[in-house]
Amino acid sequence: MSTSVEGVDPQRAGIVRDSLGVGIATGLYGVSFGALSVAAGLSVAQTCVLSLLMFTSASQFALVGVLAGGGSPASGAAAAVLLGTRNTLYGLRLAPLLAWRGVRRLGAAHLLIDESSAMSVTRDTTERARTGFLVTGASIFVLWNLFTLVGAVAGEAIGDPRTYGLDAAAGGAFLALLWPRLSEPRNRLVAVLAVAVALGVVPFVPAGVPVLAAGGVALLVGALARGPR
């Protein structure tokens, strides 16, 4: 017969276990970003600061992908911001659920990523939502930054990344992040249209701009899908 201490939520242990599993699996992937960022031309210090301050993998890979392709830092930053706008939508959904105010809300905003949102949004109480959010977000933040450093140092040690084909790896990593989202027909259609637009503008615009054009397609489709209010 199982017993529980009065006032202790027996489900929180399961939430912590699942959240740590997600945190470890995601955080370890930071080694790839570290290596690819150095391959794209950033220093170890720049790579680590990027993970500390930006801390959203899709935007980080977008930035280094543009730089690896010869695009300007401004184009890379614009692509990163475009992808990061989805976090604003997460915030609108989670703010009333987590119910934090002031400094706590500001700190939580930095941990607002895909994984921490997914591990908290389905909880049926505020405390369980907070547990899933904090354990997932904090574990990913610590491990992502640690393994970003490991990957960056290792990437710098191997020398010229073109010798190993790593100059093309940033694009491959970014596609790997997008692949799981192509399970729905609408998302596949958006992907095809975005690729067509990006390839169409390549001969006419600087490197990095095709990524922005592809992102614009996704925003346009999303706006049309919502329709007039």
C-alpha atoms as a PDB file:
ATOM      1  CA  MET A   1       0.000   0.000   0.000  1.00  0.00           C
ATOM      2  CA  SER A   2       1.393   3.375  -1.011  1.00  0.00           C
ATOM      3  CA  THR A   3       1.257   6.381   1.241  1.00  0.00           C
ATOM      4  CA  SER A   4       1.833  10.042   0.654  1.00  0.00           C
ATOM      5  CA  VAL A   5       2.798  12.872   2.926  1.00  0.00           C
ATOM      6  CA  GLU A   6      -0.032  15.298   3.544  1.00  0.00           C
ATOM      7  CA  GLY A   7       0.361  18.408   1.423  1.00  0.00           C
ATOM      8  CA  VAL A   8       2.802  16.801  -1.048  1.00  0.00           C
ATOM      9  CA  ASP A   9       1.605  16.314  -4.626  1.00  0.00           C
ATOM     10  CA  PRO A  10       2.408  12.692  -5.600  1.00  0.00           C
ATOM     11  CA  GLN A  11       2.400  13.607  -9.302  1.00  0.00           C
ATOM     12  CA  ARG A  12       5.214  16.125  -8.989  1.00  0.00           C
ATOM     13  CA  ALA A  13       7.871  13.396  -8.840  1.00  0.00           C
ATOM     14  CA  GLY A  14       6.697  12.108 -12.209  1.00  0.00           C
ATOM     15  CA  ILE A  15       6.681  15.611 -13.662  1.00  0.00           C
ATOM     16  CA  VAL A  16      10.222  16.215 -12.397  1.00  0.00           C
ATOM     17  CA  ARG A  17      11.415  12.881 -13.851  1.00  0.00           C
ATOM     18  CA  ASP A  18       9.875  13.531 -17.267  1.00  0.00           C
ATOM     19  CA  SER A  19      11.082  17.125 -17.341  1.00  0.00           C
ATOM     20  CA  LEU A  20      14.647  16.109 -16.498  1.00  0.00           C
ATOM     21  CA  GLY A  21      14.553  13.522 -19.276  1.00  0.00           C
ATOM     22  CA  VAL A  22      13.546  16.179 -21.782  1.00  0.00           C
ATOM     23  CA  GLY A  23      16.115  18.572 -20.360  1.00  0.00           C
ATOM     24  CA  ILE A  24      19.000  16.127 -20.645  1.00  0.00           C
ATOM     25  CA  ALA A  25      18.102  14.988 -24.163  1.00  0.00           C
ATOM     26  CA  THR A  26      17.747  18.563 -25.424  1.00  0.00           C
ATOM     27  CA  GLY A  27      20.679  20.028 -23.527  1.00  0.00           C
ATOM     28  CA  LEU A  28      23.127  17.502 -24.939  1.00  0.00           C
ATOM     29  CA  TYR A  29      22.307  18.760 -28.434  1.00  0.00           C
ATOM     30  CA  GLY A  30      24.043  22.003 -27.538  1.00  0.00           C
ATOM     31  CA  VAL A  31      27.331  20.370 -28.513  1.00  0.00           C
ATOM     32  CA  SER A  32      26.156  20.442 -32.138  1.00  0.00           C
ATOM     33  CA  PHE A  33      25.341  24.117 -31.969  1.00  0.00           C
ATOM     34  CA  GLY A  34      28.702  24.927 -30.417  1.00  0.00           C
ATOM     35  CA  ALA A  35      30.624  23.147 -33.167  1.00  0.00           C
ATOM     36  CA  LEU A  36      28.490  24.572 -35.986  1.00  0.00           C
ATOM     37  CA  SER A  37      28.684  28.095 -34.621  1.00  0.00           C
ATOM     38  CA  VAL A  38      32.479  28.015 -34.614  1.00  0.00           C
ATOM     39  CA  ALA A  39      32.380  26.503 -38.105  1.00  0.00           C
ATOM     40  CA  ALA A  40      30.265  29.473 -39.210  1.00  0.00           C
ATOM     41  CA  GLY A  41      32.968  31.884 -38.054  1.00  0.00           C
ATOM     42  CA  LEU A  42      32.009  32.823 -34.494  1.00  0.00           C
ATOM     43  CA  SER A  43      34.569  32.591 -31.714  1.00  0.00           C
ATOM     44  CA  VAL A  44      34.145  30.330 -28.694  1.00  0.00           C
ATOM     45  CA  ALA A  45      33.270  33.342 -26.545  1.00  0.00           C
ATOM     46  CA  GLN A  46      30.725  34.683 -29.054  1.00  0.00           C
ATOM     47  CA  THR A  47      29.147  31.243 -29.314  1.00  0.00           C
ATOM     48  CA  CYS A  48      28.786  30.906 -25.548  1.00  0.00           C
ATOM     49  CA  VAL A  49      27.355  34.403 -25.142  1.00  0.00           C
ATOM     50  CA  LEU A  50      24.832  33.644 -27.882  1.00  0.00           C
ATOM     51  CA  SER A  51      23.593  30.579 -26.017  1.00  0.00           C
ATOM     52  CA  LEU A  52      23.458  32.455 -22.729  1.00  0.00           C
ATOM     53  CA  LEU A  53      21.511  35.448 -24.035  1.00  0.00           C
ATOM     54  CA  MET A  54      19.450  34.144 -26.960  1.00  0.00           C
ATOM     55  CA  PHE A  55      18.744  30.639 -25.643  1.00  0.00           C
ATOM     56  CA  THR A  56      16.335  29.349 -28.265  1.00  0.00           C
ATOM     57  CA  SER A  57      17.828  26.689 -30.490  1.00  0.00           C
ATOM     58  CA  ALA A  58      15.893  27.307 -33.708  1.00  0.00           C
ATOM     59  CA  SER A  59      16.826  30.991 -33.711  1.00  0.00           C
ATOM     60  CA  GLN A  60      20.439  30.185 -32.862  1.00  0.00           C
ATOM     61  CA  PHE A  61      20.733  27.663 -35.697  1.00  0.00           C
ATOM     62  CA  ALA A  62      19.065  30.136 -38.068  1.00  0.00           C
ATOM     63  CA  LEU A  63      21.636  32.786 -37.211  1.00  0.00           C
ATOM     64  CA  VAL A  64      24.671  30.548 -37.675  1.00  0.00           C
ATOM     65  CA  GLY A  65      23.107  29.033 -40.801  1.00  0.00           C
ATOM     66  CA  VAL A  66      22.888  32.455 -42.437  1.00  0.00           C
ATOM     67  CA  LEU A  67      26.443  33.292 -41.389  1.00  0.00           C
ATOM     68  CA  ALA A  68      27.724  29.950 -42.663  1.00  0.00           C
ATOM     69  CA  GLY A  69      26.122  30.687 -46.020  1.00  0.00           C
ATOM     70  CA  GLY A  70      27.905  34.027 -46.291  1.00  0.00           C
ATOM     71  CA  GLY A  71      25.012  36.202 -45.172  1.00  0.00           C
ATOM     72  CA  SER A  72      25.394  39.374 -43.151  1.00  0.00           C
ATOM     73  CA  PRO A  73      24.990  39.434 -39.366  1.00  0.00           C
ATOM     74  CA  ALA A  74      21.951  41.696 -39.846  1.00  0.00           C
ATOM     75  CA  SER A  75      20.237  39.110 -42.042  1.00  0.00           C
ATOM     76  CA  GLY A  76      21.089  36.369 -39.576  1.00  0.00           C
ATOM     77  CA  ALA A  77      19.724  38.391 -36.675  1.00  0.00           C
ATOM     78  CA  ALA A  78      16.518  39.132 -38.574  1.00  0.00           C
ATOM     79  CA  ALA A  79      16.011  35.432 -39.302  1.00  0.00           C
ATOM     80  CA  ALA A  80      16.575  34.612 -35.636  1.00  0.00           C
ATOM     81  CA  VAL A  81      14.064  37.234 -34.494  1.00  0.00           C
ATOM     82  CA  LEU A  82      11.502  36.005 -37.022  1.00  0.00           C
ATOM     83  CA  LEU A  83      11.688  32.479 -35.650  1.00  0.00           C
ATOM     84  CA  GLY A  84      11.739  33.697 -32.069  1.00  0.00           C
ATOM     85  CA  THR A  85       8.359  35.410 -32.406  1.00  0.00           C
ATOM     86  CA  ARG A  86       6.631  32.102 -31.683  1.00  0.00           C
ATOM     87  CA  ASN A  87       7.877  32.360 -28.098  1.00  0.00           C
ATOM     88  CA  THR A  88       5.642  35.414 -27.697  1.00  0.00           C
ATOM     89  CA  LEU A  89       2.638  33.216 -28.438  1.00  0.00           C
ATOM     90  CA  TYR A  90       3.818  30.705 -25.848  1.00  0.00           C
ATOM     91  CA  GLY A  91       4.057  33.529 -23.334  1.00  0.00           C
ATOM     92  CA  LEU A  92       0.501  34.669 -23.959  1.00  0.00           C
ATOM     93  CA  ARG A  93      -0.733  31.141 -23.297  1.00  0.00           C
ATOM     94  CA  LEU A  94       1.427  30.427 -20.252  1.00  0.00           C
ATOM     95  CA  ALA A  95       1.279  33.764 -18.405  1.00  0.00           C
ATOM     96  CA  PRO A  96      -2.141  33.168 -16.804  1.00  0.00           C
ATOM     97  CA  LEU A  97      -1.318  29.510 -16.133  1.00  0.00           C
ATOM     98  CA  LEU A  98       2.004  30.126 -14.357  1.00  0.00           C
ATOM     99  CA  ALA A  99       0.686  33.293 -12.697  1.00  0.00           C
ATOM    100  CA  TRP A 100       4.077  34.813 -11.910  1.00  0.00           C
ATOM    101  CA  ARG A 101       4.571  38.541 -11.445  1.00  0.00           C
ATOM    102  CA  GLY A 102       7.438  41.006 -11.443  1.00  0.00           C
ATOM    103  CA  VAL A 103      10.986  39.652 -11.355  1.00  0.00           C
ATOM    104  CA  ARG A 104       9.812  36.040 -11.428  1.00  0.00           C
ATOM    105  CA  ARG A 105       7.948  36.606 -14.682  1.00  0.00           C
ATOM    106  CA  LEU A 106      11.012  38.315 -16.159  1.00  0.00           C
ATOM    107  CA  GLY A 107      13.210  35.363 -15.209  1.00  0.00           C
ATOM    108  CA  ALA A 108      10.698  32.864 -16.542  1.00  0.00           C
ATOM    109  CA  ALA A 109      10.640  34.681 -19.883  1.00  0.00           C
ATOM    110  CA  HIS A 110      14.258  33.662 -20.470  1.00  0.00           C
ATOM    111  CA  LEU A 111      13.334  29.973 -20.042  1.00  0.00           C
ATOM    112  CA  LEU A 112      10.334  30.219 -22.386  1.00  0.00           C
ATOM    113  CA  ILE A 113      11.195  27.724 -25.153  1.00  0.00           C
ATOM    114  CA  ASP A 114       9.397  24.919 -26.990  1.00  0.00           C
ATOM    115  CA  GLU A 115      10.238  22.234 -24.445  1.00  0.00           C
ATOM    116  CA  SER A 116       9.462  24.149 -21.252  1.00  0.00           C
ATOM    117  CA  SER A 117       6.165  25.286 -22.759  1.00  0.00           C
ATOM    118  CA  ALA A 118       5.198  21.757 -23.779  1.00  0.00           C
ATOM    119  CA  MET A 119       5.996  20.362 -20.315  1.00  0.00           C
ATOM    120  CA  SER A 120       3.828  22.937 -18.538  1.00  0.00           C
ATOM    121  CA  VAL A 121       0.900  23.889 -20.745  1.00  0.00           C
ATOM    122  CA  THR A 122      -0.977  20.597 -20.270  1.00  0.00           C
ATOM    123  CA  ARG A 123      -0.847  20.593 -16.441  1.00  0.00           C
ATOM    124  CA  ASP A 124      -4.085  20.952 -14.537  1.00  0.00           C
ATOM    125  CA  THR A 125      -2.765  23.075 -11.648  1.00  0.00           C
ATOM    126  CA  THR A 126      -0.513  26.089 -11.356  1.00  0.00           C
ATOM    127  CA  GLU A 127       2.012  24.272  -9.151  1.00  0.00           C
ATOM    128  CA  ARG A 128       2.354  21.354 -11.556  1.00  0.00           C
ATOM    129  CA  ALA A 129       2.688  23.733 -14.494  1.00  0.00           C
ATOM    130  CA  ARG A 130       5.399  25.645 -12.669  1.00  0.00           C
ATOM    131  CA  THR A 131       7.256  22.431 -11.835  1.00  0.00           C
ATOM    132  CA  GLY A 132       7.256  21.245 -15.439  1.00  0.00           C
ATOM    133  CA  PHE A 133       8.273  24.669 -16.713  1.00  0.00           C
ATOM    134  CA  LEU A 134      11.099  25.316 -14.263  1.00  0.00           C
ATOM    135  CA  VAL A 135      12.657  21.844 -14.207  1.00  0.00           C
ATOM    136  CA  THR A 136      12.598  21.568 -17.992  1.00  0.00           C
ATOM    137  CA  GLY A 137      13.728  25.116 -18.697  1.00  0.00           C
ATOM    138  CA  ALA A 138      16.452  25.233 -16.057  1.00  0.00           C
ATOM    139  CA  SER A 139      17.926  21.818 -16.903  1.00  0.00           C
ATOM    140  CA  ILE A 140      18.050  22.648 -20.606  1.00  0.00           C
ATOM    141  CA  PHE A 141      19.584  26.060 -19.904  1.00  0.00           C
ATOM    142  CA  VAL A 142      22.393  24.617 -17.789  1.00  0.00           C
ATOM    143  CA  LEU A 143      23.180  21.680 -20.079  1.00  0.00           C
ATOM    144  CA  TRP A 144      22.717  23.602 -23.326  1.00  0.00           C
ATOM    145  CA  ASN A 145      25.237  26.210 -22.263  1.00  0.00           C
ATOM    146  CA  LEU A 146      27.658  23.627 -20.899  1.00  0.00           C
ATOM    147  CA  PHE A 147      27.621  21.568 -24.067  1.00  0.00           C
ATOM    148  CA  THR A 148      27.688  24.651 -26.265  1.00  0.00           C
ATOM    149  CA  LEU A 149      31.095  25.352 -24.690  1.00  0.00           C
ATOM    150  CA  VAL A 150      32.203  21.733 -25.220  1.00  0.00           C
ATOM    151  CA  GLY A 151      31.132  21.793 -28.876  1.00  0.00           C
ATOM    152  CA  ALA A 152      32.690  25.198 -29.535  1.00  0.00           C
ATOM    153  CA  VAL A 153      36.050  24.209 -28.050  1.00  0.00           C
ATOM    154  CA  ALA A 154      36.035  20.934 -29.982  1.00  0.00           C
ATOM    155  CA  GLY A 155      35.024  22.712 -33.183  1.00  0.00           C
ATOM    156  CA  GLU A 156      37.829  25.221 -32.832  1.00  0.00           C
ATOM    157  CA  ALA A 157      40.341  22.449 -32.223  1.00  0.00           C
ATOM    158  CA  ILE A 158      39.680  20.649 -35.529  1.00  0.00           C
ATOM    159  CA  GLY A 159      40.711  23.649 -37.624  1.00  0.00           C
ATOM    160  CA  ASP A 160      39.140  24.582 -40.984  1.00  0.00           C
ATOM    161  CA  PRO A 161      35.567  23.188 -40.937  1.00  0.00           C
ATOM    162  CA  ARG A 162      35.453  22.923 -44.733  1.00  0.00           C
ATOM    163  CA  THR A 163      37.950  20.070 -44.522  1.00  0.00           C
ATOM    164  CA  TYR A 164      35.280  17.965 -42.835  1.00  0.00           C
ATOM    165  CA  GLY A 165      32.239  19.344 -44.635  1.00  0.00           C
ATOM    166  CA  LEU A 166      31.023  21.127 -41.508  1.00  0.00           C
ATOM    167  CA  ASP A 167      30.458  24.370 -43.395  1.00  0.00           C
ATOM    168  CA  ALA A 168      27.238  22.792 -44.740  1.00  0.00           C
ATOM    169  CA  ALA A 169      26.176  21.199 -41.474  1.00  0.00           C
ATOM    170  CA  ALA A 170      24.338  24.205 -40.064  1.00  0.00           C
ATOM    171  CA  GLY A 171      21.694  23.971 -42.759  1.00  0.00           C
ATOM    172  CA  GLY A 172      21.334  20.255 -42.132  1.00  0.00           C
ATOM    173  CA  ALA A 173      20.879  20.768 -38.401  1.00  0.00           C
ATOM    174  CA  PHE A 174      18.244  23.410 -38.998  1.00  0.00           C
ATOM    175  CA  LEU A 175      16.339  21.086 -41.344  1.00  0.00           C
ATOM    176  CA  ALA A 176      16.471  18.398 -38.659  1.00  0.00           C
ATOM    177  CA  LEU A 177      14.731  20.790 -36.269  1.00  0.00           C
ATOM    178  CA  LEU A 178      11.988  21.464 -38.812  1.00  0.00           C
ATOM    179  CA  TRP A 179      11.402  17.873 -39.890  1.00  0.00           C
ATOM    180  CA  PRO A 180       9.144  16.800 -36.951  1.00  0.00           C
ATOM    181  CA  ARG A 181       6.816  19.722 -37.734  1.00  0.00           C
ATOM    182  CA  LEU A 182       6.054  18.417 -41.228  1.00  0.00           C
ATOM    183  CA  SER A 183       3.604  15.756 -40.054  1.00  0.00           C
ATOM    184  CA  GLU A 184       0.565  17.874 -40.991  1.00  0.00           C
ATOM    185  CA  PRO A 185      -0.407  18.502 -44.646  1.00  0.00           C
ATOM    186  CA  ARG A 186      -0.711  22.258 -44.100  1.00  0.00           C
ATOM    187  CA  ASN A 187       2.816  22.450 -42.705  1.00  0.00           C
ATOM    188  CA  ARG A 188       4.156  20.481 -45.673  1.00  0.00           C
ATOM    189  CA  LEU A 189       2.429  22.879 -48.064  1.00  0.00           C
ATOM    190  CA  VAL A 190       3.916  25.877 -46.257  1.00  0.00           C
ATOM    191  CA  ALA A 191       7.358  24.234 -46.409  1.00  0.00           C
ATOM    192  CA  VAL A 192       7.099  23.656 -50.168  1.00  0.00           C
ATOM    193  CA  LEU A 193       5.966  27.238 -50.797  1.00  0.00           C
ATOM    194  CA  ALA A 194       8.721  28.616 -48.563  1.00  0.00           C
ATOM    195  CA  VAL A 195      11.389  26.583 -50.360  1.00  0.00           C
ATOM    196  CA  ALA A 196      10.075  27.711 -53.757  1.00  0.00           C
ATOM    197  CA  VAL A 197      10.156  31.373 -52.753  1.00  0.00           C
ATOM    198  CA  ALA A 198      13.602  31.080 -51.162  1.00  0.00           C
ATOM    199  CA  LEU A 199      15.083  29.390 -54.235  1.00  0.00           C
ATOM    200  CA  GLY A 200      13.386  31.900 -56.515  1.00  0.00           C
ATOM    201  CA  VAL A 201      14.978  34.925 -54.872  1.00  0.00           C
ATOM    202  CA  VAL A 202      18.472  33.437 -54.428  1.00  0.00           C
ATOM    203  CA  PRO A 203      19.863  34.883 -57.708  1.00  0.00           C
ATOM    204  CA  PHE A 204      18.644  38.384 -56.908  1.00  0.00           C
ATOM    205  CA  VAL A 205      19.260  39.049 -53.213  1.00  0.00           C
ATOM    206  CA  PRO A 206      22.196  38.857 -50.778  1.00  0.00           C
ATOM    207  CA  ALA A 207      22.851  35.727 -48.725  1.00  0.00           C
ATOM    208  CA  GLY A 208      20.538  35.479 -45.743  1.00  0.00           C
ATOM    209  CA  VAL A 209      17.606  37.257 -47.361  1.00  0.00           C
ATOM    210  CA  PRO A 210      16.140  34.023 -48.827  1.00  0.00           C
ATOM    211  CA  VAL A 211      15.712  32.760 -45.252  1.00  0.00           C
ATOM    212  CA  LEU A 212      13.725  35.881 -44.408  1.00  0.00           C
ATOM    213  CA  ALA A 213      11.620  35.456 -47.550  1.00  0.00           C
ATOM    214  CA  ALA A 214      10.830  31.867 -46.567  1.00  0.00           C
ATOM    215  CA  GLY A 215       9.834  33.004 -43.097  1.00  0.00           C
ATOM    216  CA  GLY A 216       7.613  35.657 -44.638  1.00  0.00           C
ATOM    217  CA  VAL A 217       5.732  32.948 -46.499  1.00  0.00           C
ATOM    218  CA  ALA A 218       4.962  31.175 -43.228  1.00  0.00           C
ATOM    219  CA  LEU A 219       3.727  34.430 -41.649  1.00  0.00           C
ATOM    220  CA  LEU A 220       1.547  35.208 -44.666  1.00  0.00           C
ATOM    221  CA  VAL A 221      -0.028  31.754 -44.668  1.00  0.00           C
ATOM    222  CA  GLY A 222      -0.671  32.006 -40.942  1.00  0.00           C
ATOM    223  CA  ALA A 223      -2.337  35.398 -41.343  1.00  0.00           C
ATOM    224  CA  LEU A 224      -4.523  34.187 -44.205  1.00  0.00           C
ATOM    225  CA  ALA A 225      -5.483  31.039 -42.284  1.00  0.00           C
ATOM    226  CA  ARG A 226      -6.793  33.122 -39.397  1.00  0.00           C
ATOM    227  CA  GLY A 227      -8.885  35.252 -41.712  1.00  0.00           C
ATOM    228  CA  PRO A 228     -10.723  38.444 -40.751  1.00  0.00           C
ATOM    229  CA  ARG A 229     -12.086  38.792 -37.225  1.00  0.00           C
END
